[in-house]
Amino acid sequence: MNRHKHLKAFKEAIVRCKLIRKDLEKINSNIEVWNYRQQRDFAETAYIQTLEEIIDQGKKYLSLNPEADESIRVAIDIEKYSNILEALS
């Protein structure tokens, strides 16, 4: 992959992560559903995997493009999502 594809994958994973987080909030607000636990576990697993993908794609982008303006934002986002992942572990 080239740096543009890694950046695109990084941004797509961030969007996916936000959508999964919204789904988790919706699932957690309706704990009366018969398959609540299954839905929550599935969404949490997807959330963690997406966080890992954000970090991985961001690191790959930075390794190919260390001196661009976008790199600063990517590095900040990597740190933010690493902290979230660490808090969940």
C-alpha atoms as a PDB file:
ATOM      1  CA  MET A   1       0.000   0.000   0.000  1.00  0.00           C
ATOM      2  CA  ASN A   2       1.157   3.513  -0.592  1.00  0.00           C
ATOM      3  CA  ARG A   3       0.833   6.320   1.926  1.00  0.00           C
ATOM      4  CA  HIS A   4      -2.430   7.663   0.468  1.00  0.00           C
ATOM      5  CA  LYS A   5      -4.110   4.279   0.816  1.00  0.00           C
ATOM      6  CA  HIS A   6      -2.928   3.973   4.426  1.00  0.00           C
ATOM      7  CA  LEU A   7      -4.255   7.448   5.184  1.00  0.00           C
ATOM      8  CA  LYS A   8      -7.591   6.603   3.540  1.00  0.00           C
ATOM      9  CA  ALA A   9      -7.817   3.338   5.508  1.00  0.00           C
ATOM     10  CA  PHE A  10      -6.913   5.266   8.691  1.00  0.00           C
ATOM     11  CA  LYS A  11      -9.692   7.811   8.132  1.00  0.00           C
ATOM     12  CA  GLU A  12     -12.233   5.128   7.193  1.00  0.00           C
ATOM     13  CA  ALA A  13     -11.426   3.204  10.370  1.00  0.00           C
ATOM     14  CA  ILE A  14     -11.991   6.357  12.452  1.00  0.00           C
ATOM     15  CA  VAL A  15     -15.430   6.807  10.876  1.00  0.00           C
ATOM     16  CA  ARG A  16     -16.213   3.123  11.467  1.00  0.00           C
ATOM     17  CA  CYS A  17     -15.065   3.451  15.079  1.00  0.00           C
ATOM     18  CA  LYS A  18     -17.404   6.396  15.683  1.00  0.00           C
ATOM     19  CA  LEU A  19     -20.321   4.456  14.193  1.00  0.00           C
ATOM     20  CA  ILE A  20     -19.574   1.419  16.356  1.00  0.00           C
ATOM     21  CA  ARG A  21     -19.388   3.652  19.443  1.00  0.00           C
ATOM     22  CA  LYS A  22     -22.847   5.055  18.583  1.00  0.00           C
ATOM     23  CA  ASP A  23     -24.137   1.497  18.191  1.00  0.00           C
ATOM     24  CA  LEU A  24     -22.684   0.597  21.590  1.00  0.00           C
ATOM     25  CA  GLU A  25     -24.466   3.549  23.185  1.00  0.00           C
ATOM     26  CA  LYS A  26     -27.735   2.445  21.555  1.00  0.00           C
ATOM     27  CA  ILE A  27     -27.224  -1.165  22.663  1.00  0.00           C
ATOM     28  CA  ASN A  28     -26.376  -0.122  26.223  1.00  0.00           C
ATOM     29  CA  SER A  29     -29.479   2.071  26.419  1.00  0.00           C
ATOM     30  CA  ASN A  30     -31.710  -0.913  25.680  1.00  0.00           C
ATOM     31  CA  ILE A  31     -30.582  -3.668  28.037  1.00  0.00           C
ATOM     32  CA  GLU A  32     -34.043  -5.245  28.068  1.00  0.00           C
ATOM     33  CA  VAL A  33     -33.516  -6.837  24.645  1.00  0.00           C
ATOM     34  CA  TRP A  34     -33.228 -10.610  24.859  1.00  0.00           C
ATOM     35  CA  ASN A  35     -29.864 -10.721  23.046  1.00  0.00           C
ATOM     36  CA  TYR A  36     -28.379  -7.628  24.700  1.00  0.00           C
ATOM     37  CA  ARG A  37     -25.240  -9.390  25.920  1.00  0.00           C
ATOM     38  CA  GLN A  38     -24.527 -10.940  22.521  1.00  0.00           C
ATOM     39  CA  GLN A  39     -25.018  -7.608  20.740  1.00  0.00           C
ATOM     40  CA  ARG A  40     -22.810  -5.795  23.245  1.00  0.00           C
ATOM     41  CA  ASP A  41     -20.035  -8.394  23.067  1.00  0.00           C
ATOM     42  CA  PHE A  42     -20.078  -8.307  19.264  1.00  0.00           C
ATOM     43  CA  ALA A  43     -19.980  -4.502  19.166  1.00  0.00           C
ATOM     44  CA  GLU A  44     -17.191  -4.334  21.771  1.00  0.00           C
ATOM     45  CA  THR A  45     -15.095  -6.819  19.808  1.00  0.00           C
ATOM     46  CA  ALA A  46     -15.622  -4.834  16.605  1.00  0.00           C
ATOM     47  CA  TYR A  47     -14.743  -1.616  18.460  1.00  0.00           C
ATOM     48  CA  ILE A  48     -11.469  -3.040  19.792  1.00  0.00           C
ATOM     49  CA  GLN A  49     -10.504  -4.464  16.402  1.00  0.00           C
ATOM     50  CA  THR A  50     -11.244  -1.123  14.762  1.00  0.00           C
ATOM     51  CA  LEU A  51      -9.113   0.711  17.334  1.00  0.00           C
ATOM     52  CA  GLU A  52      -6.260  -1.684  16.547  1.00  0.00           C
ATOM     53  CA  GLU A  53      -6.726  -1.047  12.822  1.00  0.00           C
ATOM     54  CA  ILE A  54      -6.641   2.738  13.344  1.00  0.00           C
ATOM     55  CA  ILE A  55      -3.364   2.439  15.216  1.00  0.00           C
ATOM     56  CA  ASP A  56      -1.857   0.037  12.666  1.00  0.00           C
ATOM     57  CA  GLN A  57      -2.841   2.073   9.605  1.00  0.00           C
ATOM     58  CA  GLY A  58      -1.689   5.285  11.269  1.00  0.00           C
ATOM     59  CA  LYS A  59       1.716   3.825  12.082  1.00  0.00           C
ATOM     60  CA  LYS A  60       2.085   2.521   8.536  1.00  0.00           C
ATOM     61  CA  TYR A  61       1.188   5.950   7.158  1.00  0.00           C
ATOM     62  CA  LEU A  62       3.704   7.657   9.439  1.00  0.00           C
ATOM     63  CA  SER A  63       6.446   5.213   8.458  1.00  0.00           C
ATOM     64  CA  LEU A  64       5.962   6.146   4.794  1.00  0.00           C
ATOM     65  CA  ASN A  65       5.365   9.867   5.281  1.00  0.00           C
ATOM     66  CA  PRO A  66       7.085  11.228   8.393  1.00  0.00           C
ATOM     67  CA  GLU A  67       7.308  14.902   7.386  1.00  0.00           C
ATOM     68  CA  ALA A  68       3.871  15.941   6.148  1.00  0.00           C
ATOM     69  CA  ASP A  69       1.452  18.266   7.927  1.00  0.00           C
ATOM     70  CA  GLU A  70      -1.069  15.435   8.057  1.00  0.00           C
ATOM     71  CA  SER A  71       1.453  13.361  10.028  1.00  0.00           C
ATOM     72  CA  ILE A  72       1.014  15.495  13.142  1.00  0.00           C
ATOM     73  CA  ARG A  73      -2.732  14.917  13.192  1.00  0.00           C
ATOM     74  CA  VAL A  74      -2.259  11.202  12.527  1.00  0.00           C
ATOM     75  CA  ALA A  75       0.267  10.930  15.371  1.00  0.00           C
ATOM     76  CA  ILE A  76      -2.107  12.713  17.763  1.00  0.00           C
ATOM     77  CA  ASP A  77      -4.975  10.438  16.734  1.00  0.00           C
ATOM     78  CA  ILE A  78      -2.806   7.333  17.155  1.00  0.00           C
ATOM     79  CA  GLU A  79      -1.995   8.425  20.702  1.00  0.00           C
ATOM     80  CA  LYS A  80      -5.672   9.127  21.465  1.00  0.00           C
ATOM     81  CA  TYR A  81      -6.899   5.765  20.171  1.00  0.00           C
ATOM     82  CA  SER A  82      -3.989   3.932  21.834  1.00  0.00           C
ATOM     83  CA  ASN A  83      -5.077   5.412  25.155  1.00  0.00           C
ATOM     84  CA  ILE A  84      -8.670   4.310  24.565  1.00  0.00           C
ATOM     85  CA  LEU A  85      -7.514   0.792  23.683  1.00  0.00           C
ATOM     86  CA  GLU A  86      -5.251   0.671  26.728  1.00  0.00           C
ATOM     87  CA  ALA A  87      -8.122   1.757  28.981  1.00  0.00           C
ATOM     88  CA  LEU A  88     -10.300  -1.050  27.605  1.00  0.00           C
ATOM     89  CA  SER A  89      -7.644  -3.715  28.170  1.00  0.00           C
END
